[in-house]
C-alpha atoms as a PDB file:
ATOM      1  CA  MET A   1     118.666  98.472  76.679  1.00  0.00           C
ATOM      2  CA  PHE A   2     115.737 100.325  78.206  1.00  0.00           C
ATOM      3  CA  GLY A   3     115.980 103.385  80.406  1.00  0.00           C
ATOM      4  CA  LYS A   4     113.654 104.058  83.274  1.00  0.00           C
ATOM      5  CA  ILE A   5     110.088 103.858  81.992  1.00  0.00           C
ATOM      6  CA  ASP A   6     107.897 106.479  83.654  1.00  0.00           C
ATOM      7  CA  LEU A   7     104.713 104.450  83.418  1.00  0.00           C
ATOM      8  CA  LEU A   8     106.306 101.514  85.218  1.00  0.00           C
ATOM      9  CA  THR A   9     107.760 103.819  87.871  1.00  0.00           C
ATOM     10  CA  LYS A  10     104.331 105.318  88.556  1.00  0.00           C
ATOM     11  CA  ALA A  11     102.658 101.906  88.622  1.00  0.00           C
ATOM     12  CA  SER A  12     105.290 100.643  91.051  1.00  0.00           C
ATOM     13  CA  ALA A  13     104.807 103.655  93.339  1.00  0.00           C
ATOM     14  CA  MET A  14     101.040 103.178  93.216  1.00  0.00           C
ATOM     15  CA  ALA A  15     101.328  99.475  94.125  1.00  0.00           C
ATOM     16  CA  ARG A  16     103.703 100.253  97.019  1.00  0.00           C
ATOM     17  CA  HIS A  17     101.311 102.928  98.280  1.00  0.00           C
ATOM     18  CA  ALA A  18      98.339 100.545  98.146  1.00  0.00           C
ATOM     19  CA  ALA A  19     100.281  97.815  99.961  1.00  0.00           C
ATOM     20  CA  THR A  20     101.385 100.222 102.694  1.00  0.00           C
ATOM     21  CA  ARG A  21      97.839 101.504 103.109  1.00  0.00           C
ATOM     22  CA  HIS A  22      96.526  97.958 103.318  1.00  0.00           C
ATOM     23  CA  GLY A  23      99.022  97.283 106.121  1.00  0.00           C
ATOM     24  CA  TYR A  24      97.676 100.156 108.211  1.00  0.00           C
ATOM     25  CA  ILE A  25      94.103  99.071 107.551  1.00  0.00           C
ATOM     26  CA  SER A  26      94.917  95.550 108.753  1.00  0.00           C
ATOM     27  CA  GLU A  27      96.519  97.013 111.914  1.00  0.00           C
ATOM     28  CA  ASN A  28      93.331  98.993 112.511  1.00  0.00           C
ATOM     29  CA  LEU A  29      91.208  95.875 112.109  1.00  0.00           C
ATOM     30  CA  ALA A  30      93.468  93.892 114.420  1.00  0.00           C
ATOM     31  CA  ASN A  31      93.053  96.582 117.081  1.00  0.00           C
ATOM     32  CA  ALA A  32      89.300  97.036 116.667  1.00  0.00           C
ATOM     33  CA  ASP A  33      88.727  96.120 120.337  1.00  0.00           C
ATOM     34  CA  THR A  34      91.805  97.784 121.843  1.00  0.00           C
ATOM     35  CA  PRO A  35      90.798 100.549 124.277  1.00  0.00           C
ATOM     36  CA  ASN A  36      91.779 104.085 123.175  1.00  0.00           C
ATOM     37  CA  TYR A  37      93.239 102.845 119.855  1.00  0.00           C
ATOM     38  CA  LYS A  38      93.039 105.503 117.143  1.00  0.00           C
ATOM     39  CA  ALA A  39      92.525 104.347 113.562  1.00  0.00           C
ATOM     40  CA  ARG A  40      95.368 105.341 111.220  1.00  0.00           C
ATOM     41  CA  ASP A  41      95.640 105.734 107.469  1.00  0.00           C
ATOM     42  CA  ILE A  42      98.001 107.332 104.968  1.00  0.00           C
ATOM     43  CA  ALA A  43      97.407 110.183 102.532  1.00  0.00           C
ATOM     44  CA  LYS A  44      95.840 109.422  99.171  1.00  0.00           C
ATOM     45  CA  PHE A  45      98.145 108.480  96.321  1.00  0.00           C
ATOM     46  CA  ASN A  46      99.364 111.606  94.542  1.00  0.00           C
ATOM     47  CA  PRO A  47     100.510 110.857  90.971  1.00  0.00           C
ATOM     48  CA  GLU A  48     101.574 114.488  90.503  1.00  0.00           C
ATOM     49  CA  ALA A  49     104.058 114.203  93.376  1.00  0.00           C
ATOM     50  CA  VAL A  50     105.503 111.060  91.779  1.00  0.00           C
ATOM     51  CA  LYS A  51     105.778 112.879  88.434  1.00  0.00           C
ATOM     52  CA  ARG A  52     107.558 115.851  90.037  1.00  0.00           C
ATOM     53  CA  ALA A  53     109.961 113.495  91.836  1.00  0.00           C
ATOM     54  CA  MET A  54     110.747 111.735  88.547  1.00  0.00           C
ATOM     55  CA  GLU A  55     111.456 115.121  86.946  1.00  0.00           C
ATOM     56  CA  GLY A  56     114.066 115.830  89.607  1.00  0.00           C
ATOM     57  CA  ASP A  57     112.129 118.085  91.983  1.00  0.00           C
ATOM     58  CA  LYS A  58     112.821 117.625  95.655  1.00  0.00           C
ATOM     59  CA  VAL A  59     109.574 115.940  96.638  1.00  0.00           C
ATOM     60  CA  ASP A  60     109.378 113.777  99.738  1.00  0.00           C
ATOM     61  CA  LEU A  61     107.376 110.792  98.511  1.00  0.00           C
ATOM     62  CA  ASN A  62     107.624 109.286 101.973  1.00  0.00           C
ATOM     63  CA  MET A  63     105.118 111.921 103.123  1.00  0.00           C
ATOM     64  CA  MET A  64     102.418 109.924 101.330  1.00  0.00           C
ATOM     65  CA  MET A  65     103.434 106.855 103.324  1.00  0.00           C
ATOM     66  CA  ARG A  66     103.399 108.401 106.806  1.00  0.00           C
ATOM     67  CA  PRO A  67     100.429 107.328 108.875  1.00  0.00           C
ATOM     68  CA  THR A  68      98.117 109.862 110.438  1.00  0.00           C
ATOM     69  CA  VAL A  69      95.241 109.402 112.825  1.00  0.00           C
ATOM     70  CA  THR A  70      92.055 109.251 110.798  1.00  0.00           C
ATOM     71  CA  LYS A  71      89.959 112.338 111.549  1.00  0.00           C
ATOM     72  CA  GLY A  72      86.192 112.499 111.814  1.00  0.00           C
ATOM     73  CA  LEU A  73      85.628 109.016 113.202  1.00  0.00           C
ATOM     74  CA  GLU A  74      83.357 108.651 116.199  1.00  0.00           C
ATOM     75  CA  ALA A  75      84.935 106.983 119.198  1.00  0.00           C
ATOM     76  CA  SER A  76      83.278 104.018 120.868  1.00  0.00           C
ATOM     77  CA  PRO A  77      82.689 104.072 124.656  1.00  0.00           C
ATOM     78  CA  ASN A  78      86.178 102.606 125.224  1.00  0.00           C
ATOM     79  CA  GLY A  79      87.808 105.393 123.134  1.00  0.00           C
ATOM     80  CA  ASN A  80      88.504 103.230 120.082  1.00  0.00           C
ATOM     81  CA  THR A  81      87.890 104.934 116.699  1.00  0.00           C
ATOM     82  CA  VAL A  82      88.013 101.837 114.465  1.00  0.00           C
ATOM     83  CA  SER A  83      84.809 101.329 112.501  1.00  0.00           C
ATOM     84  CA  LEU A  84      84.710  97.935 110.805  1.00  0.00           C
ATOM     85  CA  GLU A  85      82.498  99.235 107.986  1.00  0.00           C
ATOM     86  CA  ASP A  86      84.819 102.193 107.351  1.00  0.00           C
ATOM     87  CA  GLN A  87      87.923  99.997 107.393  1.00  0.00           C
ATOM     88  CA  LEU A  88      86.410  97.454 105.014  1.00  0.00           C
ATOM     89  CA  GLY A  89      85.571 100.274 102.596  1.00  0.00           C
ATOM     90  CA  ARG A  90      89.147 101.547 102.834  1.00  0.00           C
ATOM     91  CA  ALA A  91      90.439  98.007 102.268  1.00  0.00           C
ATOM     92  CA  ALA A  92      88.332  97.730  99.113  1.00  0.00           C
ATOM     93  CA  ASP A  93      89.750 101.054  97.880  1.00  0.00           C
ATOM     94  CA  ALA A  94      93.318  99.903  98.551  1.00  0.00           C
ATOM     95  CA  LYS A  95      92.666  96.605  96.773  1.00  0.00           C
ATOM     96  CA  ALA A  96      91.256  98.400  93.728  1.00  0.00           C
ATOM     97  CA  GLN A  97      94.264 100.746  93.656  1.00  0.00           C
ATOM     98  CA  HIS A  98      96.671  97.801  93.863  1.00  0.00           C
ATOM     99  CA  GLU A  99      94.853  95.896  91.116  1.00  0.00           C
ATOM    100  CA  THR A 100      94.913  98.994  88.900  1.00  0.00           C
ATOM    101  CA  ALA A 101      98.662  99.381  89.394  1.00  0.00           C
ATOM    102  CA  LEU A 102      99.262  95.714  88.585  1.00  0.00           C
ATOM    103  CA  ALA A 103      97.046  95.916  85.471  1.00  0.00           C
ATOM    104  CA  VAL A 104      98.986  98.950  84.211  1.00  0.00           C
ATOM    105  CA  TYR A 105     102.271  97.167  84.905  1.00  0.00           C
ATOM    106  CA  LYS A 106     101.107  94.010  83.106  1.00  0.00           C
ATOM    107  CA  LYS A 107      99.914  95.910  80.025  1.00  0.00           C
ATOM    108  CA  ALA A 108     103.142  97.894  79.851  1.00  0.00           C
ATOM    109  CA  MET A 109     105.139  94.668  80.019  1.00  0.00           C
ATOM    110  CA  ASP A 110     102.952  93.156  77.285  1.00  0.00           C
ATOM    111  CA  LEU A 111     103.678  96.168  75.066  1.00  0.00           C
ATOM    112  CA  LEU A 112     107.398  95.871  75.732  1.00  0.00           C
ATOM    113  CA  ARG A 113     107.333  92.191  74.795  1.00  0.00           C
ATOM    114  CA  LEU A 114     105.461  92.962  71.585  1.00  0.00           C
ATOM    115  CA  SER A 115     107.904  95.700  70.622  1.00  0.00           C
ATOM    116  CA  TYR A 116     110.981  93.531  71.097  1.00  0.00           C
ATOM    117  CA  LYS A 117     112.260  91.898  67.947  1.00  0.00           C
ATOM    118  CA  ALA A 118     114.167  88.726  68.561  1.00  0.00           C
ATOM    119  CA  PRO A 119     117.518  88.457  66.749  1.00  0.00           C
ATOM    120  CA  ARG A 120     117.484  86.244  63.690  1.00  0.00           C
END
């Protein structure tokens, strides 16, 4: 009945990105005392890349999901670069992104329900 709805596709990609990012943040927090551990994160969500992929361009969306070592963080004496304050800020950002994606998804579903006319 319905084709692929772009808004729902973007919201789904945004939620997946936020969940993946939250996973790396939790790994960083779990290794906060591990000697020589380097904090990792993924690239910011890029809605334009998602749009180009939906239009048929060859865009590797998995590039947004690949972890990289977070640059610019000062290492502790044991070589660990995890800063609890930094990671908690990143976790709050990921949570806000995930909640935004879910809110968009919910509103889109509400609109779809309103537009559907039940058979008489």
